[in-house]
Amino acid sequence: MQTNWKKTTITFIFAGIDDQPIKIVLQNAVNAPAAKQVEDFGTVLSGLTGLPFRNAVVSSQSAVA
């Protein structure tokens, strides 16, 4: 059997007013992004939004053929 990558979704979570989470979702990202790449892009988004970057969740979907 072979595993075929379909898509990767990255959810960036920022701290909003009263520490409420604010999410920015990036769909159809590259296959298996490195942790440093996700962290660096979260920092860029933080600079653009002015919100503190908390963490990110990476989710990948694959199909088994």
PDB file of N, CA and C in Angstrom:
ATOM      1  N   MET A   1       0.833  -1.187   0.000  1.00  0.00           N
ATOM      2  CA  MET A   1       0.000   0.000   0.000  1.00  0.00           C
ATOM      3  C   MET A   1       0.874   1.245   0.000  1.00  0.00           C
ATOM      4  N   GLN A   2       0.318   2.290  -0.577  1.00  0.00           N
ATOM      5  CA  GLN A   2       1.036   3.552  -0.686  1.00  0.00           C
ATOM      6  C   GLN A   2       0.195   4.658  -0.062  1.00  0.00           C
ATOM      7  N   THR A   3       0.837   5.553   0.661  1.00  0.00           N
ATOM      8  CA  THR A   3       0.144   6.683   1.264  1.00  0.00           C
ATOM      9  C   THR A   3       0.372   7.920   0.387  1.00  0.00           C
ATOM     10  N   ASN A   4      -0.719   8.542  -0.032  1.00  0.00           N
ATOM     11  CA  ASN A   4      -0.649   9.749  -0.865  1.00  0.00           C
ATOM     12  C   ASN A   4      -1.123  10.952  -0.056  1.00  0.00           C
ATOM     13  N   TRP A   5      -0.253  11.942   0.061  1.00  0.00           N
ATOM     14  CA  TRP A   5      -0.592  13.162   0.779  1.00  0.00           C
ATOM     15  C   TRP A   5      -1.679  13.908   0.032  1.00  0.00           C
ATOM     16  N   LYS A   6      -2.690  14.401   0.773  1.00  0.00           N
ATOM     17  CA  LYS A   6      -3.784  15.153   0.159  1.00  0.00           C
ATOM     18  C   LYS A   6      -3.691  16.641   0.490  1.00  0.00           C
ATOM     19  N   LYS A   7      -3.618  16.979   1.786  1.00  0.00           N
ATOM     20  CA  LYS A   7      -3.513  18.387   2.164  1.00  0.00           C
ATOM     21  C   LYS A   7      -3.041  18.510   3.600  1.00  0.00           C
ATOM     22  N   THR A   8      -2.545  19.689   3.912  1.00  0.00           N
ATOM     23  CA  THR A   8      -2.132  20.025   5.263  1.00  0.00           C
ATOM     24  C   THR A   8      -2.820  21.322   5.655  1.00  0.00           C
ATOM     25  N   THR A   9      -3.364  21.357   6.859  1.00  0.00           N
ATOM     26  CA  THR A   9      -4.002  22.560   7.392  1.00  0.00           C
ATOM     27  C   THR A   9      -3.232  22.993   8.636  1.00  0.00           C
ATOM     28  N   ILE A  10      -2.937  24.289   8.710  1.00  0.00           N
ATOM     29  CA  ILE A  10      -2.243  24.832   9.879  1.00  0.00           C
ATOM     30  C   ILE A  10      -3.162  25.863  10.522  1.00  0.00           C
ATOM     31  N   THR A  11      -3.437  25.687  11.813  1.00  0.00           N
ATOM     32  CA  THR A  11      -4.244  26.637  12.566  1.00  0.00           C
ATOM     33  C   THR A  11      -3.324  27.395  13.510  1.00  0.00           C
ATOM     34  N   PHE A  12      -3.180  28.694  13.280  1.00  0.00           N
ATOM     35  CA  PHE A  12      -2.361  29.559  14.129  1.00  0.00           C
ATOM     36  C   PHE A  12      -3.271  30.156  15.191  1.00  0.00           C
ATOM     37  N   ILE A  13      -2.854  30.083  16.444  1.00  0.00           N
ATOM     38  CA  ILE A  13      -3.677  30.574  17.552  1.00  0.00           C
ATOM     39  C   ILE A  13      -2.955  31.743  18.223  1.00  0.00           C
ATOM     40  N   PHE A  14      -3.684  32.845  18.343  1.00  0.00           N
ATOM     41  CA  PHE A  14      -3.151  34.078  18.923  1.00  0.00           C
ATOM     42  C   PHE A  14      -3.961  34.442  20.160  1.00  0.00           C
ATOM     43  N   ALA A  15      -3.371  35.238  21.046  1.00  0.00           N
ATOM     44  CA  ALA A  15      -4.061  35.714  22.240  1.00  0.00           C
ATOM     45  C   ALA A  15      -4.738  37.037  21.904  1.00  0.00           C
ATOM     46  N   GLY A  16      -6.060  37.076  22.078  1.00  0.00           N
ATOM     47  CA  GLY A  16      -6.824  38.295  21.811  1.00  0.00           C
ATOM     48  C   GLY A  16      -7.091  39.046  23.101  1.00  0.00           C
ATOM     49  N   ILE A  17      -8.103  39.894  23.045  1.00  0.00           N
ATOM     50  CA  ILE A  17      -8.507  40.660  24.222  1.00  0.00           C
ATOM     51  C   ILE A  17      -8.989  39.688  25.294  1.00  0.00           C
ATOM     52  N   ASP A  18      -8.616  39.950  26.543  1.00  0.00           N
ATOM     53  CA  ASP A  18      -8.946  39.082  27.681  1.00  0.00           C
ATOM     54  C   ASP A  18      -8.449  37.659  27.476  1.00  0.00           C
ATOM     55  N   ASP A  19      -7.367  37.515  26.711  1.00  0.00           N
ATOM     56  CA  ASP A  19      -6.730  36.219  26.457  1.00  0.00           C
ATOM     57  C   ASP A  19      -7.637  35.224  25.725  1.00  0.00           C
ATOM     58  N   GLN A  20      -8.639  35.736  25.013  1.00  0.00           N
ATOM     59  CA  GLN A  20      -9.500  34.883  24.187  1.00  0.00           C
ATOM     60  C   GLN A  20      -8.712  34.437  22.959  1.00  0.00           C
ATOM     61  N   PRO A  21      -8.781  33.155  22.594  1.00  0.00           N
ATOM     62  CA  PRO A  21      -8.013  32.689  21.430  1.00  0.00           C
ATOM     63  C   PRO A  21      -8.609  33.206  20.112  1.00  0.00           C
ATOM     64  N   ILE A  22      -7.733  33.648  19.242  1.00  0.00           N
ATOM     65  CA  ILE A  22      -8.100  34.055  17.890  1.00  0.00           C
ATOM     66  C   ILE A  22      -7.351  33.135  16.939  1.00  0.00           C
ATOM     67  N   LYS A  23      -8.080  32.523  16.004  1.00  0.00           N
ATOM     68  CA  LYS A  23      -7.484  31.534  15.107  1.00  0.00           C
ATOM     69  C   LYS A  23      -7.412  32.063  13.685  1.00  0.00           C
ATOM     70  N   ILE A  24      -6.285  31.787  13.039  1.00  0.00           N
ATOM     71  CA  ILE A  24      -6.108  32.031  11.613  1.00  0.00           C
ATOM     72  C   ILE A  24      -5.761  30.676  10.996  1.00  0.00           C
ATOM     73  N   VAL A  25      -6.555  30.254  10.019  1.00  0.00           N
ATOM     74  CA  VAL A  25      -6.393  28.923   9.426  1.00  0.00           C
ATOM     75  C   VAL A  25      -5.812  29.053   8.030  1.00  0.00           C
ATOM     76  N   LEU A  26      -4.764  28.299   7.777  1.00  0.00           N
ATOM     77  CA  LEU A  26      -4.119  28.242   6.461  1.00  0.00           C
ATOM     78  C   LEU A  26      -4.335  26.836   5.921  1.00  0.00           C
ATOM     79  N   GLN A  27      -5.112  26.717   4.853  1.00  0.00           N
ATOM     80  CA  GLN A  27      -5.392  25.408   4.270  1.00  0.00           C
ATOM     81  C   GLN A  27      -4.518  25.179   3.050  1.00  0.00           C
ATOM     82  N   ASN A  28      -4.364  23.921   2.703  1.00  0.00           N
ATOM     83  CA  ASN A  28      -3.558  23.508   1.548  1.00  0.00           C
ATOM     84  C   ASN A  28      -2.106  23.960   1.666  1.00  0.00           C
ATOM     85  N   ALA A  29      -1.561  23.817   2.867  1.00  0.00           N
ATOM     86  CA  ALA A  29      -0.152  24.134   3.096  1.00  0.00           C
ATOM     87  C   ALA A  29       0.716  23.015   2.519  1.00  0.00           C
ATOM     88  N   VAL A  30       2.010  23.180   2.604  1.00  0.00           N
ATOM     89  CA  VAL A  30       2.943  22.178   2.078  1.00  0.00           C
ATOM     90  C   VAL A  30       2.893  20.910   2.926  1.00  0.00           C
ATOM     91  N   ASN A  31       3.332  19.818   2.350  1.00  0.00           N
ATOM     92  CA  ASN A  31       3.379  18.540   3.047  1.00  0.00           C
ATOM     93  C   ASN A  31       4.456  18.589   4.126  1.00  0.00           C
ATOM     94  N   ALA A  32       4.097  18.227   5.347  1.00  0.00           N
ATOM     95  CA  ALA A  32       5.022  18.109   6.481  1.00  0.00           C
ATOM     96  C   ALA A  32       5.902  19.342   6.687  1.00  0.00           C
ATOM     97  N   PRO A  33       5.305  20.495   7.013  1.00  0.00           N
ATOM     98  CA  PRO A  33       6.130  21.670   7.280  1.00  0.00           C
ATOM     99  C   PRO A  33       6.953  21.469   8.554  1.00  0.00           C
ATOM    100  N   ALA A  34       8.154  22.016   8.558  1.00  0.00           N
ATOM    101  CA  ALA A  34       9.031  21.919   9.729  1.00  0.00           C
ATOM    102  C   ALA A  34       8.481  22.820  10.842  1.00  0.00           C
ATOM    103  N   ALA A  35       8.727  22.429  12.077  1.00  0.00           N
ATOM    104  CA  ALA A  35       8.252  23.207  13.225  1.00  0.00           C
ATOM    105  C   ALA A  35       8.777  24.641  13.170  1.00  0.00           C
ATOM    106  N   LYS A  36      10.016  24.808  12.746  1.00  0.00           N
ATOM    107  CA  LYS A  36      10.619  26.146  12.655  1.00  0.00           C
ATOM    108  C   LYS A  36       9.885  26.997  11.613  1.00  0.00           C
ATOM    109  N   GLN A  37       9.478  26.394  10.497  1.00  0.00           N
ATOM    110  CA  GLN A  37       8.738  27.127   9.471  1.00  0.00           C
ATOM    111  C   GLN A  37       7.398  27.612  10.016  1.00  0.00           C
ATOM    112  N   VAL A  38       6.710  26.762  10.736  1.00  0.00           N
ATOM    113  CA  VAL A  38       5.413  27.132  11.305  1.00  0.00           C
ATOM    114  C   VAL A  38       5.599  28.232  12.344  1.00  0.00           C
ATOM    115  N   GLU A  39       6.595  28.088  13.196  1.00  0.00           N
ATOM    116  CA  GLU A  39       6.872  29.100  14.221  1.00  0.00           C
ATOM    117  C   GLU A  39       7.228  30.439  13.594  1.00  0.00           C
ATOM    118  N   ASP A  40       8.087  30.425  12.583  1.00  0.00           N
ATOM    119  CA  ASP A  40       8.483  31.672  11.922  1.00  0.00           C
ATOM    120  C   ASP A  40       7.303  32.360  11.250  1.00  0.00           C
ATOM    121  N   PHE A  41       6.420  31.583  10.606  1.00  0.00           N
ATOM    122  CA  PHE A  41       5.262  32.181   9.950  1.00  0.00           C
ATOM    123  C   PHE A  41       4.272  32.708  10.991  1.00  0.00           C
ATOM    124  N   GLY A  42       4.153  32.018  12.118  1.00  0.00           N
ATOM    125  CA  GLY A  42       3.324  32.522  13.214  1.00  0.00           C
ATOM    126  C   GLY A  42       3.837  33.850  13.734  1.00  0.00           C
ATOM    127  N   THR A  43       5.151  34.004  13.790  1.00  0.00           N
ATOM    128  CA  THR A  43       5.763  35.259  14.219  1.00  0.00           C
ATOM    129  C   THR A  43       5.465  36.373  13.209  1.00  0.00           C
ATOM    130  N   VAL A  44       5.507  36.049  11.924  1.00  0.00           N
ATOM    131  CA  VAL A  44       5.179  37.032  10.882  1.00  0.00           C
ATOM    132  C   VAL A  44       3.720  37.468  11.023  1.00  0.00           C
ATOM    133  N   LEU A  45       2.822  36.506  11.185  1.00  0.00           N
ATOM    134  CA  LEU A  45       1.407  36.837  11.355  1.00  0.00           C
ATOM    135  C   LEU A  45       1.192  37.679  12.612  1.00  0.00           C
ATOM    136  N   SER A  46       1.940  37.375  13.656  1.00  0.00           N
ATOM    137  CA  SER A  46       1.852  38.149  14.890  1.00  0.00           C
ATOM    138  C   SER A  46       2.251  39.604  14.645  1.00  0.00           C
ATOM    139  N   GLY A  47       3.306  39.806  13.870  1.00  0.00           N
ATOM    140  CA  GLY A  47       3.737  41.165  13.539  1.00  0.00           C
ATOM    141  C   GLY A  47       2.705  41.914  12.711  1.00  0.00           C
ATOM    142  N   LEU A  48       2.024  41.197  11.816  1.00  0.00           N
ATOM    143  CA  LEU A  48       1.013  41.827  10.969  1.00  0.00           C
ATOM    144  C   LEU A  48      -0.274  42.151  11.729  1.00  0.00           C
ATOM    145  N   THR A  49      -0.666  41.278  12.648  1.00  0.00           N
ATOM    146  CA  THR A  49      -1.922  41.468  13.371  1.00  0.00           C
ATOM    147  C   THR A  49      -1.759  42.253  14.663  1.00  0.00           C
ATOM    148  N   GLY A  50      -0.549  42.251  15.216  1.00  0.00           N
ATOM    149  CA  GLY A  50      -0.323  42.906  16.502  1.00  0.00           C
ATOM    150  C   GLY A  50      -0.771  42.053  17.681  1.00  0.00           C
ATOM    151  N   LEU A  51      -1.111  40.790  17.419  1.00  0.00           N
ATOM    152  CA  LEU A  51      -1.551  39.881  18.477  1.00  0.00           C
ATOM    153  C   LEU A  51      -0.414  38.935  18.854  1.00  0.00           C
ATOM    154  N   PRO A  52      -0.283  38.587  20.131  1.00  0.00           N
ATOM    155  CA  PRO A  52       0.763  37.642  20.530  1.00  0.00           C
ATOM    156  C   PRO A  52       0.476  36.223  20.028  1.00  0.00           C
ATOM    157  N   PHE A  53       1.484  35.612  19.420  1.00  0.00           N
ATOM    158  CA  PHE A  53       1.375  34.246  18.893  1.00  0.00           C
ATOM    159  C   PHE A  53       1.492  33.263  20.044  1.00  0.00           C
ATOM    160  N   ARG A  54       0.512  32.355  20.185  1.00  0.00           N
ATOM    161  CA  ARG A  54       0.526  31.368  21.262  1.00  0.00           C
ATOM    162  C   ARG A  54       1.067  30.030  20.783  1.00  0.00           C
ATOM    163  N   ASN A  55       0.409  29.453  19.782  1.00  0.00           N
ATOM    164  CA  ASN A  55       0.838  28.151  19.273  1.00  0.00           C
ATOM    165  C   ASN A  55       0.164  27.883  17.931  1.00  0.00           C
ATOM    166  N   ALA A  56       0.462  26.728  17.365  1.00  0.00           N
ATOM    167  CA  ALA A  56      -0.132  26.329  16.085  1.00  0.00           C
ATOM    168  C   ALA A  56      -0.421  24.835  16.123  1.00  0.00           C
ATOM    169  N   VAL A  57      -1.434  24.442  15.355  1.00  0.00           N
ATOM    170  CA  VAL A  57      -1.802  23.033  15.227  1.00  0.00           C
ATOM    171  C   VAL A  57      -1.696  22.665  13.753  1.00  0.00           C
ATOM    172  N   VAL A  58      -0.917  21.618  13.453  1.00  0.00           N
ATOM    173  CA  VAL A  58      -0.727  21.167  12.072  1.00  0.00           C
ATOM    174  C   VAL A  58      -1.470  19.850  11.898  1.00  0.00           C
ATOM    175  N   SER A  59      -2.311  19.800  10.871  1.00  0.00           N
ATOM    176  CA  SER A  59      -3.103  18.607  10.586  1.00  0.00           C
ATOM    177  C   SER A  59      -2.908  18.229   9.124  1.00  0.00           C
ATOM    178  N   SER A  60      -2.517  16.983   8.882  1.00  0.00           N
ATOM    179  CA  SER A  60      -2.321  16.494   7.511  1.00  0.00           C
ATOM    180  C   SER A  60      -3.308  15.389   7.200  1.00  0.00           C
ATOM    181  N   GLN A  61      -3.735  15.356   5.944  1.00  0.00           N
ATOM    182  CA  GLN A  61      -4.631  14.302   5.491  1.00  0.00           C
ATOM    183  C   GLN A  61      -3.957  13.541   4.365  1.00  0.00           C
ATOM    184  N   SER A  62      -4.056  12.231   4.430  1.00  0.00           N
ATOM    185  CA  SER A  62      -3.477  11.359   3.415  1.00  0.00           C
ATOM    186  C   SER A  62      -4.494  10.305   3.011  1.00  0.00           C
ATOM    187  N   ALA A  63      -4.297   9.765   1.837  1.00  0.00           N
ATOM    188  CA  ALA A  63      -5.131   8.664   1.355  1.00  0.00           C
ATOM    189  C   ALA A  63      -4.247   7.445   1.166  1.00  0.00           C
ATOM    190  N   VAL A  64      -4.760   6.305   1.553  1.00  0.00           N
ATOM    191  CA  VAL A  64      -4.030   5.056   1.374  1.00  0.00           C
ATOM    192  C   VAL A  64      -4.531   4.406   0.093  1.00  0.00           C
ATOM    193  N   ALA A  65      -3.587   4.150  -0.812  1.00  0.00           N
ATOM    194  CA  ALA A  65      -3.963   3.548  -2.093  1.00  0.00           C
ATOM    195  C   ALA A  65      -3.386   2.155  -2.200  1.00  0.00           C
TER     196      ALA A  65
END
